[in-house]
Amino acid sequence: MAKKKNKVEESLVPKDEKTLKMEGVQNLYNFLFEACNILRGPVSQDNFKDYITPIF
C-alpha cells in the first residue's frame, strides 16, 4: 500500500522545469492583469475597449 505524502513532504520535492516555467507565466499574467486594472481605474472592463482601441 502506498504511503500518502503530507504537505510538508510535498513542498520539499523539487519542481521540474516545466512546472517552474508555468508558475513564472502565471505570475507574469497576474502582474500584468493587476497593472491593467490599476491603469484602467474606475472605467468598467466593457467600456475600457472604447478608450484603449483608438490608441492602437
N, C-alpha and C. Protein backbone atom coordinates (compact mmCIF):
# COMPACT_ATOMS: atom_id res chain seq x y z
N MET A 1 0.85 -1.17 0.00
CA MET A 1 0.00 0.00 0.00
C MET A 1 0.89 1.24 0.00
N ALA A 2 0.62 2.21 -0.87
CA ALA A 2 1.44 3.42 -0.99
C ALA A 2 1.19 4.34 0.19
N LYS A 3 2.26 4.95 0.64
CA LYS A 3 2.18 5.88 1.75
C LYS A 3 1.83 7.27 1.22
N LYS A 4 0.87 7.94 1.84
CA LYS A 4 0.48 9.28 1.43
C LYS A 4 1.51 10.29 1.89
N LYS A 5 1.80 11.28 1.05
CA LYS A 5 2.71 12.36 1.43
C LYS A 5 1.91 13.48 2.07
N ASN A 6 2.47 14.08 3.08
CA ASN A 6 1.79 15.23 3.66
C ASN A 6 2.27 16.50 2.97
N LYS A 7 1.69 17.63 3.31
CA LYS A 7 2.00 18.91 2.65
C LYS A 7 3.46 19.28 2.81
N VAL A 8 4.05 19.05 3.96
CA VAL A 8 5.44 19.41 4.20
C VAL A 8 6.36 18.60 3.29
N GLU A 9 6.10 17.31 3.17
CA GLU A 9 6.92 16.47 2.31
C GLU A 9 6.80 16.90 0.85
N GLU A 10 5.59 17.27 0.40
CA GLU A 10 5.38 17.70 -0.98
C GLU A 10 6.13 18.99 -1.27
N SER A 11 6.22 19.89 -0.30
CA SER A 11 6.90 21.16 -0.54
C SER A 11 8.41 20.97 -0.63
N LEU A 12 8.93 19.85 -0.12
CA LEU A 12 10.36 19.60 -0.18
C LEU A 12 10.79 18.94 -1.49
N VAL A 13 9.81 18.46 -2.26
CA VAL A 13 10.11 17.81 -3.53
C VAL A 13 10.47 18.89 -4.55
N PRO A 14 11.62 18.77 -5.21
CA PRO A 14 11.99 19.77 -6.21
C PRO A 14 11.01 19.76 -7.38
N LYS A 15 10.72 20.94 -7.91
CA LYS A 15 9.79 21.06 -9.03
C LYS A 15 10.55 20.92 -10.33
N ASP A 16 9.89 20.34 -11.30
CA ASP A 16 10.55 20.19 -12.60
C ASP A 16 10.52 21.51 -13.37
N GLU A 17 11.28 21.57 -14.44
CA GLU A 17 11.45 22.81 -15.20
C GLU A 17 10.13 23.31 -15.79
N LYS A 18 9.29 22.40 -16.27
CA LYS A 18 8.02 22.79 -16.87
C LYS A 18 7.11 23.45 -15.82
N THR A 19 7.08 22.89 -14.63
CA THR A 19 6.26 23.45 -13.56
C THR A 19 6.75 24.84 -13.20
N LEU A 20 8.06 25.02 -13.12
CA LEU A 20 8.62 26.33 -12.79
C LEU A 20 8.29 27.36 -13.87
N LYS A 21 8.35 26.95 -15.14
CA LYS A 21 8.01 27.87 -16.23
C LYS A 21 6.55 28.27 -16.16
N MET A 22 5.67 27.31 -15.89
CA MET A 22 4.24 27.60 -15.82
C MET A 22 3.94 28.54 -14.66
N GLU A 23 4.62 28.37 -13.53
CA GLU A 23 4.43 29.27 -12.40
C GLU A 23 4.89 30.67 -12.77
N GLY A 24 6.00 30.76 -13.51
CA GLY A 24 6.50 32.05 -13.96
C GLY A 24 5.53 32.74 -14.90
N VAL A 25 4.95 31.98 -15.81
CA VAL A 25 3.97 32.53 -16.74
C VAL A 25 2.74 33.01 -15.98
N GLN A 26 2.29 32.22 -15.02
CA GLN A 26 1.11 32.60 -14.24
C GLN A 26 1.39 33.86 -13.42
N ASN A 27 2.58 33.96 -12.83
CA ASN A 27 2.94 35.15 -12.06
C ASN A 27 2.98 36.38 -12.96
N LEU A 28 3.53 36.24 -14.17
CA LEU A 28 3.57 37.35 -15.12
C LEU A 28 2.17 37.77 -15.51
N TYR A 29 1.31 36.81 -15.81
CA TYR A 29 -0.07 37.11 -16.17
C TYR A 29 -0.77 37.87 -15.04
N ASN A 30 -0.62 37.39 -13.81
CA ASN A 30 -1.26 38.05 -12.66
C ASN A 30 -0.75 39.48 -12.50
N PHE A 31 0.56 39.67 -12.67
CA PHE A 31 1.16 41.00 -12.53
C PHE A 31 0.60 41.95 -13.59
N LEU A 32 0.58 41.49 -14.85
CA LEU A 32 0.10 42.34 -15.94
C LEU A 32 -1.39 42.62 -15.81
N PHE A 33 -2.15 41.63 -15.37
CA PHE A 33 -3.60 41.83 -15.19
C PHE A 33 -3.85 42.89 -14.12
N GLU A 34 -3.11 42.82 -13.03
CA GLU A 34 -3.28 43.82 -11.96
C GLU A 34 -2.84 45.20 -12.44
N ALA A 35 -1.75 45.27 -13.23
CA ALA A 35 -1.31 46.56 -13.77
C ALA A 35 -2.39 47.16 -14.67
N CYS A 36 -3.02 46.33 -15.48
CA CYS A 36 -4.11 46.81 -16.33
C CYS A 36 -5.27 47.34 -15.50
N ASN A 37 -5.59 46.66 -14.42
CA ASN A 37 -6.66 47.13 -13.54
C ASN A 37 -6.34 48.48 -12.93
N ILE A 38 -5.07 48.69 -12.56
CA ILE A 38 -4.66 49.97 -11.99
C ILE A 38 -4.76 51.07 -13.05
N LEU A 39 -4.28 50.79 -14.26
CA LEU A 39 -4.33 51.77 -15.33
C LEU A 39 -5.77 52.07 -15.76
N ARG A 40 -6.59 51.05 -15.77
CA ARG A 40 -7.97 51.21 -16.18
C ARG A 40 -8.73 52.11 -15.21
N GLY A 41 -8.43 52.00 -13.94
CA GLY A 41 -9.09 52.83 -12.94
C GLY A 41 -10.57 52.51 -12.83
N PRO A 42 -11.39 53.56 -12.70
CA PRO A 42 -12.82 53.33 -12.46
C PRO A 42 -13.62 52.97 -13.71
N VAL A 43 -13.00 52.91 -14.87
CA VAL A 43 -13.70 52.55 -16.11
C VAL A 43 -14.00 51.06 -16.09
N SER A 44 -15.23 50.70 -16.44
CA SER A 44 -15.59 49.27 -16.44
C SER A 44 -14.82 48.54 -17.53
N GLN A 45 -14.64 47.24 -17.36
CA GLN A 45 -13.90 46.45 -18.33
C GLN A 45 -14.56 46.48 -19.70
N ASP A 46 -15.88 46.52 -19.74
CA ASP A 46 -16.60 46.53 -21.01
C ASP A 46 -16.38 47.85 -21.77
N ASN A 47 -16.32 48.95 -21.06
CA ASN A 47 -16.16 50.25 -21.69
C ASN A 47 -14.70 50.61 -21.94
N PHE A 48 -13.78 49.87 -21.36
CA PHE A 48 -12.35 50.18 -21.49
C PHE A 48 -11.90 50.07 -22.94
N LYS A 49 -12.48 49.16 -23.70
CA LYS A 49 -12.09 49.00 -25.11
C LYS A 49 -12.36 50.28 -25.90
N ASP A 50 -13.39 51.06 -25.51
CA ASP A 50 -13.68 52.31 -26.19
C ASP A 50 -12.59 53.35 -25.96
N TYR A 51 -11.88 53.24 -24.84
CA TYR A 51 -10.79 54.17 -24.53
C TYR A 51 -9.46 53.71 -25.12
N ILE A 52 -9.21 52.42 -25.10
CA ILE A 52 -7.90 51.90 -25.48
C ILE A 52 -7.78 51.63 -26.98
N THR A 53 -8.86 51.28 -27.66
CA THR A 53 -8.81 50.95 -29.09
C THR A 53 -8.25 52.09 -29.95
N PRO A 54 -8.65 53.35 -29.75
CA PRO A 54 -8.08 54.43 -30.57
C PRO A 54 -6.57 54.59 -30.42
N ILE A 55 -6.02 54.17 -29.31
CA ILE A 55 -4.57 54.27 -29.10
C ILE A 55 -3.84 53.36 -30.07
N PHE A 56 -4.42 52.19 -30.35
CA PHE A 56 -3.79 51.24 -31.27
C PHE A 56 -3.95 51.70 -32.68
